[in-house]
Amino acid sequence: MSAASLRDASVQEIQLELIRRTRFNTFDGEAVVAKLLQYRALWLAVLLDRPGVPDRHEWGLPTAGLIKLRDLPQNVWNADTLFVLTDGHEKARQFVRAFEAEEWGGMVQVYDDTEMIDRALGTGRKEYGIVTVWWD
């Protein structure tokens, strides 16, 4: 992606590019992006991240939450969990069925507890589904 096209890219396109550039163990970012685009009708947004664990101190940094920051000087997006936002619980289940049929590797989890999803997204006005896929 050139600087000019990066400037014009949507945030989602930038996220897809970060996914595409990532490769580790059984995770092949190029293949994952190709499949995500193939199943584009099933998701609203995707991102690859590595969430940290809240520190036990009230104002502490998240444990292992800044690994991505640490590795940026080496041009590495050190993330291991794909988060997929869907338009409702049924779309999340459809995405999981499509994902599992592709045998991408990774551990799949579908979330359809509306209250949990609302807390995670900071919303409560719409029914969403969330799928996570974690690669070791």
N, C-alpha and C. Protein backbone atom coordinates (compact mmCIF):
# COMPACT_ATOMS: atom_id res chain seq x y z
N MET A 1 0.85 -1.16 0.00
CA MET A 1 0.00 0.00 0.00
C MET A 1 0.90 1.24 0.00
N SER A 2 0.76 2.11 -0.95
CA SER A 2 1.59 3.31 -1.00
C SER A 2 1.09 4.32 0.02
N ALA A 3 1.91 5.35 0.29
CA ALA A 3 1.53 6.37 1.26
C ALA A 3 0.23 7.06 0.84
N ALA A 4 0.09 7.34 -0.45
CA ALA A 4 -1.14 7.99 -0.92
C ALA A 4 -2.34 7.08 -0.71
N SER A 5 -2.20 5.80 -1.05
CA SER A 5 -3.35 4.91 -0.88
C SER A 5 -3.60 4.62 0.59
N LEU A 6 -2.57 4.64 1.42
CA LEU A 6 -2.75 4.46 2.85
C LEU A 6 -3.57 5.61 3.41
N ARG A 7 -3.30 6.80 2.97
CA ARG A 7 -4.04 7.98 3.42
C ARG A 7 -5.52 7.84 3.08
N ASP A 8 -5.83 7.24 1.95
CA ASP A 8 -7.22 7.11 1.50
C ASP A 8 -7.89 5.83 1.99
N ALA A 9 -7.12 4.93 2.56
CA ALA A 9 -7.67 3.64 2.99
C ALA A 9 -8.59 3.82 4.19
N SER A 10 -9.62 3.00 4.24
CA SER A 10 -10.49 3.00 5.42
C SER A 10 -9.74 2.33 6.57
N VAL A 11 -10.20 2.54 7.77
CA VAL A 11 -9.60 1.90 8.93
C VAL A 11 -9.72 0.38 8.78
N GLN A 12 -10.85 -0.11 8.25
CA GLN A 12 -11.00 -1.55 8.04
C GLN A 12 -9.99 -2.07 7.03
N GLU A 13 -9.75 -1.32 5.97
CA GLU A 13 -8.75 -1.74 4.99
C GLU A 13 -7.36 -1.80 5.61
N ILE A 14 -7.06 -0.87 6.50
CA ILE A 14 -5.78 -0.89 7.20
C ILE A 14 -5.69 -2.12 8.09
N GLN A 15 -6.77 -2.45 8.79
CA GLN A 15 -6.79 -3.65 9.61
C GLN A 15 -6.57 -4.90 8.76
N LEU A 16 -7.21 -4.98 7.62
CA LEU A 16 -7.02 -6.13 6.73
C LEU A 16 -5.57 -6.22 6.26
N GLU A 17 -4.95 -5.08 6.02
CA GLU A 17 -3.54 -5.09 5.60
C GLU A 17 -2.65 -5.58 6.74
N LEU A 18 -2.93 -5.19 7.98
CA LEU A 18 -2.17 -5.71 9.11
C LEU A 18 -2.33 -7.23 9.21
N ILE A 19 -3.53 -7.71 9.01
CA ILE A 19 -3.77 -9.16 9.03
C ILE A 19 -2.97 -9.82 7.91
N ARG A 20 -3.06 -9.25 6.71
CA ARG A 20 -2.37 -9.83 5.54
C ARG A 20 -0.87 -9.95 5.78
N ARG A 21 -0.27 -8.98 6.45
CA ARG A 21 1.18 -8.96 6.68
C ARG A 21 1.63 -9.92 7.77
N THR A 22 0.70 -10.46 8.53
CA THR A 22 1.04 -11.28 9.69
C THR A 22 1.16 -12.74 9.29
N ARG A 23 2.23 -13.37 9.78
CA ARG A 23 2.46 -14.80 9.54
C ARG A 23 3.23 -15.36 10.73
N PHE A 24 2.68 -16.40 11.34
CA PHE A 24 3.37 -17.11 12.42
C PHE A 24 2.71 -18.47 12.59
N ASN A 25 3.48 -19.44 13.03
CA ASN A 25 2.99 -20.81 13.25
C ASN A 25 2.04 -21.22 12.11
N THR A 26 0.78 -21.53 12.42
CA THR A 26 -0.17 -21.93 11.37
C THR A 26 -0.97 -20.76 10.83
N PHE A 27 -0.70 -19.55 11.30
CA PHE A 27 -1.44 -18.37 10.84
C PHE A 27 -0.80 -17.82 9.57
N ASP A 28 -1.57 -17.81 8.50
CA ASP A 28 -1.14 -17.28 7.21
C ASP A 28 -2.05 -16.10 6.88
N GLY A 29 -1.56 -14.90 7.14
CA GLY A 29 -2.38 -13.71 6.97
C GLY A 29 -2.96 -13.53 5.59
N GLU A 30 -2.19 -13.83 4.57
CA GLU A 30 -2.71 -13.69 3.20
C GLU A 30 -3.90 -14.60 2.97
N ALA A 31 -3.80 -15.84 3.43
CA ALA A 31 -4.91 -16.79 3.27
C ALA A 31 -6.12 -16.37 4.10
N VAL A 32 -5.86 -15.88 5.31
CA VAL A 32 -6.96 -15.45 6.17
C VAL A 32 -7.71 -14.28 5.54
N VAL A 33 -6.99 -13.30 5.03
CA VAL A 33 -7.65 -12.15 4.39
C VAL A 33 -8.44 -12.60 3.16
N ALA A 34 -7.88 -13.49 2.37
CA ALA A 34 -8.60 -13.97 1.19
C ALA A 34 -9.93 -14.61 1.60
N LYS A 35 -9.90 -15.41 2.67
CA LYS A 35 -11.14 -16.07 3.12
C LYS A 35 -12.09 -15.07 3.76
N LEU A 36 -11.55 -14.11 4.51
CA LEU A 36 -12.42 -13.09 5.07
C LEU A 36 -13.16 -12.34 3.96
N LEU A 37 -12.46 -12.00 2.91
CA LEU A 37 -13.10 -11.30 1.80
C LEU A 37 -14.10 -12.20 1.08
N GLN A 38 -13.80 -13.49 1.02
CA GLN A 38 -14.74 -14.44 0.40
C GLN A 38 -16.05 -14.49 1.19
N TYR A 39 -15.97 -14.36 2.51
CA TYR A 39 -17.15 -14.41 3.37
C TYR A 39 -17.55 -13.02 3.86
N ARG A 40 -17.28 -12.01 3.08
CA ARG A 40 -17.50 -10.61 3.47
C ARG A 40 -18.95 -10.33 3.88
N ALA A 41 -19.90 -11.01 3.32
CA ALA A 41 -21.31 -10.77 3.65
C ALA A 41 -21.65 -11.19 5.08
N LEU A 42 -20.77 -11.94 5.73
CA LEU A 42 -21.07 -12.45 7.07
C LEU A 42 -20.54 -11.57 8.20
N TRP A 43 -19.72 -10.58 7.90
CA TRP A 43 -19.14 -9.78 8.98
C TRP A 43 -19.24 -8.28 8.70
N LEU A 44 -19.24 -7.52 9.81
CA LEU A 44 -19.26 -6.06 9.74
C LEU A 44 -17.86 -5.47 9.86
N ALA A 45 -17.04 -6.09 10.71
CA ALA A 45 -15.69 -5.58 10.95
C ALA A 45 -14.83 -6.71 11.49
N VAL A 46 -13.52 -6.63 11.20
CA VAL A 46 -12.56 -7.60 11.71
C VAL A 46 -11.29 -6.86 12.13
N LEU A 47 -10.61 -7.42 13.12
CA LEU A 47 -9.29 -6.93 13.47
C LEU A 47 -8.51 -8.04 14.13
N LEU A 48 -7.20 -7.95 13.99
CA LEU A 48 -6.29 -8.90 14.61
C LEU A 48 -5.62 -8.16 15.77
N ASP A 49 -5.74 -8.73 16.97
CA ASP A 49 -5.23 -8.05 18.15
C ASP A 49 -4.66 -9.06 19.13
N ARG A 50 -4.07 -8.55 20.17
CA ARG A 50 -3.58 -9.37 21.28
C ARG A 50 -3.97 -8.62 22.55
N PRO A 51 -5.13 -8.95 23.09
CA PRO A 51 -5.58 -8.21 24.27
C PRO A 51 -4.72 -8.56 25.48
N GLY A 52 -4.46 -7.59 26.29
CA GLY A 52 -3.70 -7.81 27.51
C GLY A 52 -4.63 -8.22 28.65
N VAL A 53 -4.02 -8.50 29.76
CA VAL A 53 -4.75 -8.86 30.97
C VAL A 53 -4.69 -7.66 31.90
N PRO A 54 -5.82 -7.23 32.47
CA PRO A 54 -5.77 -6.06 33.36
C PRO A 54 -4.77 -6.28 34.50
N ASP A 55 -3.99 -5.24 34.76
CA ASP A 55 -3.04 -5.30 35.86
C ASP A 55 -3.80 -5.25 37.18
N ARG A 56 -3.27 -5.88 38.19
CA ARG A 56 -3.97 -5.90 39.48
C ARG A 56 -3.95 -4.54 40.16
N HIS A 57 -3.08 -3.64 39.73
CA HIS A 57 -3.05 -2.28 40.29
C HIS A 57 -4.06 -1.43 39.53
N GLU A 58 -4.72 -0.56 40.24
CA GLU A 58 -5.80 0.22 39.65
C GLU A 58 -5.40 0.97 38.38
N TRP A 59 -4.19 1.54 38.34
CA TRP A 59 -3.78 2.35 37.20
C TRP A 59 -2.63 1.72 36.43
N GLY A 60 -2.46 0.41 36.55
CA GLY A 60 -1.35 -0.26 35.89
C GLY A 60 -1.59 -0.49 34.41
N LEU A 61 -0.52 -0.80 33.72
CA LEU A 61 -0.61 -1.15 32.30
C LEU A 61 -1.09 -2.59 32.18
N PRO A 62 -1.77 -2.93 31.09
CA PRO A 62 -2.24 -4.31 30.93
C PRO A 62 -1.07 -5.28 30.74
N THR A 63 -1.06 -6.35 31.50
CA THR A 63 0.00 -7.34 31.38
C THR A 63 -0.01 -7.93 29.98
N ALA A 64 1.12 -7.87 29.30
CA ALA A 64 1.31 -8.36 27.93
C ALA A 64 0.45 -7.60 26.91
N GLY A 65 -0.14 -6.50 27.33
CA GLY A 65 -1.01 -5.74 26.44
C GLY A 65 -0.29 -4.84 25.46
N LEU A 66 1.01 -4.64 25.65
CA LEU A 66 1.75 -3.75 24.77
C LEU A 66 2.81 -4.48 23.94
N ILE A 67 2.63 -5.78 23.77
CA ILE A 67 3.55 -6.55 22.94
C ILE A 67 3.59 -5.99 21.52
N LYS A 68 2.44 -5.58 20.99
CA LYS A 68 2.41 -5.00 19.65
C LYS A 68 3.29 -3.75 19.59
N LEU A 69 3.19 -2.92 20.61
CA LEU A 69 4.01 -1.70 20.67
C LEU A 69 5.49 -2.05 20.72
N ARG A 70 5.84 -3.02 21.54
CA ARG A 70 7.25 -3.45 21.68
C ARG A 70 7.83 -3.88 20.34
N ASP A 71 7.03 -4.58 19.52
CA ASP A 71 7.54 -5.18 18.29
C ASP A 71 7.40 -4.31 17.05
N LEU A 72 6.76 -3.15 17.17
CA LEU A 72 6.64 -2.26 16.00
C LEU A 72 7.98 -1.85 15.41
N PRO A 73 9.04 -1.57 16.20
CA PRO A 73 10.31 -1.21 15.59
C PRO A 73 10.88 -2.31 14.68
N GLN A 74 10.46 -3.55 14.89
CA GLN A 74 10.91 -4.66 14.03
C GLN A 74 9.91 -4.91 12.89
N ASN A 75 8.94 -4.00 12.71
CA ASN A 75 7.93 -4.11 11.65
C ASN A 75 7.09 -5.38 11.81
N VAL A 76 6.76 -5.71 13.06
CA VAL A 76 5.97 -6.90 13.36
C VAL A 76 4.68 -6.48 14.05
N TRP A 77 3.56 -6.98 13.55
CA TRP A 77 2.27 -6.80 14.22
C TRP A 77 2.03 -8.07 15.02
N ASN A 78 2.47 -8.06 16.27
CA ASN A 78 2.47 -9.25 17.11
C ASN A 78 1.10 -9.42 17.75
N ALA A 79 0.20 -10.03 17.00
CA ALA A 79 -1.17 -10.25 17.46
C ALA A 79 -1.56 -11.69 17.12
N ASP A 80 -2.44 -12.26 17.92
CA ASP A 80 -2.75 -13.67 17.72
C ASP A 80 -4.24 -14.01 17.74
N THR A 81 -5.10 -13.00 17.90
CA THR A 81 -6.53 -13.26 17.99
C THR A 81 -7.29 -12.42 16.98
N LEU A 82 -8.04 -13.09 16.13
CA LEU A 82 -8.91 -12.42 15.17
C LEU A 82 -10.25 -12.18 15.84
N PHE A 83 -10.70 -10.95 15.82
CA PHE A 83 -12.01 -10.57 16.34
C PHE A 83 -12.90 -10.23 15.16
N VAL A 84 -14.07 -10.85 15.12
CA VAL A 84 -15.00 -10.66 14.01
C VAL A 84 -16.32 -10.16 14.58
N LEU A 85 -16.78 -9.01 14.12
CA LEU A 85 -18.06 -8.46 14.51
C LEU A 85 -19.08 -8.79 13.44
N THR A 86 -20.20 -9.37 13.87
CA THR A 86 -21.25 -9.73 12.92
C THR A 86 -22.55 -9.01 13.26
N ASP A 87 -23.42 -8.99 12.30
CA ASP A 87 -24.73 -8.37 12.45
C ASP A 87 -25.70 -9.42 13.01
N GLY A 88 -25.55 -9.71 14.29
CA GLY A 88 -26.44 -10.66 14.96
C GLY A 88 -25.79 -12.00 15.22
N HIS A 89 -26.43 -12.74 16.09
CA HIS A 89 -25.90 -14.03 16.53
C HIS A 89 -25.89 -15.08 15.42
N GLU A 90 -26.92 -15.08 14.58
CA GLU A 90 -26.97 -16.09 13.52
C GLU A 90 -25.83 -15.91 12.52
N LYS A 91 -25.52 -14.66 12.19
CA LYS A 91 -24.38 -14.41 11.27
C LYS A 91 -23.08 -14.89 11.91
N ALA A 92 -22.94 -14.73 13.22
CA ALA A 92 -21.75 -15.22 13.91
C ALA A 92 -21.65 -16.73 13.76
N ARG A 93 -22.75 -17.43 13.95
CA ARG A 93 -22.74 -18.90 13.80
C ARG A 93 -22.46 -19.30 12.35
N GLN A 94 -23.01 -18.55 11.39
CA GLN A 94 -22.72 -18.83 9.97
C GLN A 94 -21.23 -18.64 9.68
N PHE A 95 -20.66 -17.57 10.22
CA PHE A 95 -19.24 -17.32 10.02
C PHE A 95 -18.42 -18.47 10.58
N VAL A 96 -18.77 -18.94 11.77
CA VAL A 96 -18.04 -20.04 12.40
C VAL A 96 -18.14 -21.29 11.53
N ARG A 97 -19.31 -21.59 11.01
CA ARG A 97 -19.45 -22.77 10.14
C ARG A 97 -18.57 -22.63 8.90
N ALA A 98 -18.55 -21.46 8.30
CA ALA A 98 -17.70 -21.22 7.12
C ALA A 98 -16.24 -21.34 7.49
N PHE A 99 -15.87 -20.75 8.62
CA PHE A 99 -14.49 -20.78 9.09
C PHE A 99 -14.03 -22.21 9.33
N GLU A 100 -14.84 -22.97 10.06
CA GLU A 100 -14.45 -24.34 10.39
C GLU A 100 -14.38 -25.22 9.14
N ALA A 101 -15.20 -24.94 8.15
CA ALA A 101 -15.15 -25.71 6.90
C ALA A 101 -13.84 -25.46 6.15
N GLU A 102 -13.24 -24.30 6.36
CA GLU A 102 -12.00 -23.93 5.68
C GLU A 102 -10.76 -24.51 6.35
N GLU A 103 -10.88 -24.97 7.58
CA GLU A 103 -9.75 -25.53 8.32
C GLU A 103 -8.56 -24.56 8.34
N TRP A 104 -8.79 -23.36 8.84
CA TRP A 104 -7.76 -22.34 8.93
C TRP A 104 -6.81 -22.59 10.08
N GLY A 105 -7.10 -23.52 10.95
CA GLY A 105 -6.36 -23.64 12.20
C GLY A 105 -6.90 -22.60 13.16
N GLY A 106 -6.43 -22.59 14.35
CA GLY A 106 -6.92 -21.61 15.30
C GLY A 106 -8.12 -22.14 16.07
N MET A 107 -8.27 -21.63 17.27
CA MET A 107 -9.36 -22.03 18.15
C MET A 107 -10.48 -21.00 18.03
N VAL A 108 -11.66 -21.48 17.63
CA VAL A 108 -12.80 -20.62 17.35
C VAL A 108 -13.73 -20.55 18.55
N GLN A 109 -14.22 -19.35 18.84
CA GLN A 109 -15.20 -19.14 19.91
C GLN A 109 -16.26 -18.18 19.38
N VAL A 110 -17.51 -18.55 19.51
CA VAL A 110 -18.60 -17.65 19.14
C VAL A 110 -19.23 -17.12 20.42
N TYR A 111 -19.47 -15.83 20.44
CA TYR A 111 -20.10 -15.17 21.58
C TYR A 111 -21.48 -14.71 21.15
N ASP A 112 -22.49 -15.14 21.90
CA ASP A 112 -23.84 -14.69 21.58
C ASP A 112 -24.60 -14.23 22.82
N ASP A 113 -23.86 -13.97 23.89
CA ASP A 113 -24.44 -13.40 25.10
C ASP A 113 -24.54 -11.90 24.88
N THR A 114 -25.74 -11.41 24.66
CA THR A 114 -25.94 -10.00 24.30
C THR A 114 -25.39 -9.06 25.36
N GLU A 115 -25.58 -9.37 26.63
CA GLU A 115 -25.09 -8.49 27.69
C GLU A 115 -23.56 -8.41 27.68
N MET A 116 -22.89 -9.54 27.48
CA MET A 116 -21.42 -9.55 27.42
C MET A 116 -20.93 -8.76 26.22
N ILE A 117 -21.57 -8.97 25.09
CA ILE A 117 -21.17 -8.25 23.86
C ILE A 117 -21.39 -6.75 24.03
N ASP A 118 -22.54 -6.36 24.60
CA ASP A 118 -22.81 -4.94 24.83
C ASP A 118 -21.74 -4.31 25.70
N ARG A 119 -21.31 -5.00 26.76
CA ARG A 119 -20.26 -4.46 27.64
C ARG A 119 -18.94 -4.32 26.87
N ALA A 120 -18.61 -5.33 26.09
CA ALA A 120 -17.34 -5.31 25.35
C ALA A 120 -17.32 -4.21 24.30
N LEU A 121 -18.45 -3.98 23.66
CA LEU A 121 -18.53 -2.97 22.59
C LEU A 121 -18.91 -1.59 23.11
N GLY A 122 -19.37 -1.51 24.35
CA GLY A 122 -19.80 -0.22 24.88
C GLY A 122 -21.08 0.25 24.24
N THR A 123 -21.99 -0.67 23.99
CA THR A 123 -23.25 -0.33 23.32
C THR A 123 -24.37 -1.16 23.91
N GLY A 124 -25.54 -1.00 23.40
CA GLY A 124 -26.66 -1.78 23.86
C GLY A 124 -27.88 -1.56 23.00
N ARG A 125 -27.68 -0.98 21.87
CA ARG A 125 -28.81 -0.62 21.02
C ARG A 125 -29.06 -1.58 19.87
N LYS A 126 -28.16 -2.51 19.65
CA LYS A 126 -28.27 -3.39 18.48
C LYS A 126 -27.74 -4.76 18.86
N GLU A 127 -28.30 -5.79 18.26
CA GLU A 127 -27.81 -7.14 18.52
C GLU A 127 -26.64 -7.45 17.59
N TYR A 128 -25.48 -7.69 18.18
CA TYR A 128 -24.29 -8.08 17.45
C TYR A 128 -23.90 -9.49 17.84
N GLY A 129 -23.08 -10.10 17.02
CA GLY A 129 -22.41 -11.33 17.38
C GLY A 129 -20.91 -11.08 17.29
N ILE A 130 -20.16 -11.81 18.07
CA ILE A 130 -18.70 -11.72 18.00
C ILE A 130 -18.13 -13.12 17.92
N VAL A 131 -17.15 -13.27 17.03
CA VAL A 131 -16.40 -14.51 16.90
C VAL A 131 -14.95 -14.15 17.16
N THR A 132 -14.27 -15.02 17.91
CA THR A 132 -12.83 -14.86 18.05
C THR A 132 -12.16 -16.15 17.54
N VAL A 133 -10.99 -15.95 16.95
CA VAL A 133 -10.18 -17.09 16.53
C VAL A 133 -8.78 -16.81 17.06
N TRP A 134 -8.27 -17.71 17.88
CA TRP A 134 -6.96 -17.56 18.48
C TRP A 134 -6.02 -18.59 17.88
N TRP A 135 -4.87 -18.12 17.48
CA TRP A 135 -3.81 -19.00 16.97
C TRP A 135 -2.70 -19.06 18.00
N ASP A 136 -2.18 -20.24 18.24
CA ASP A 136 -1.07 -20.44 19.18
C ASP A 136 0.23 -20.11 18.49
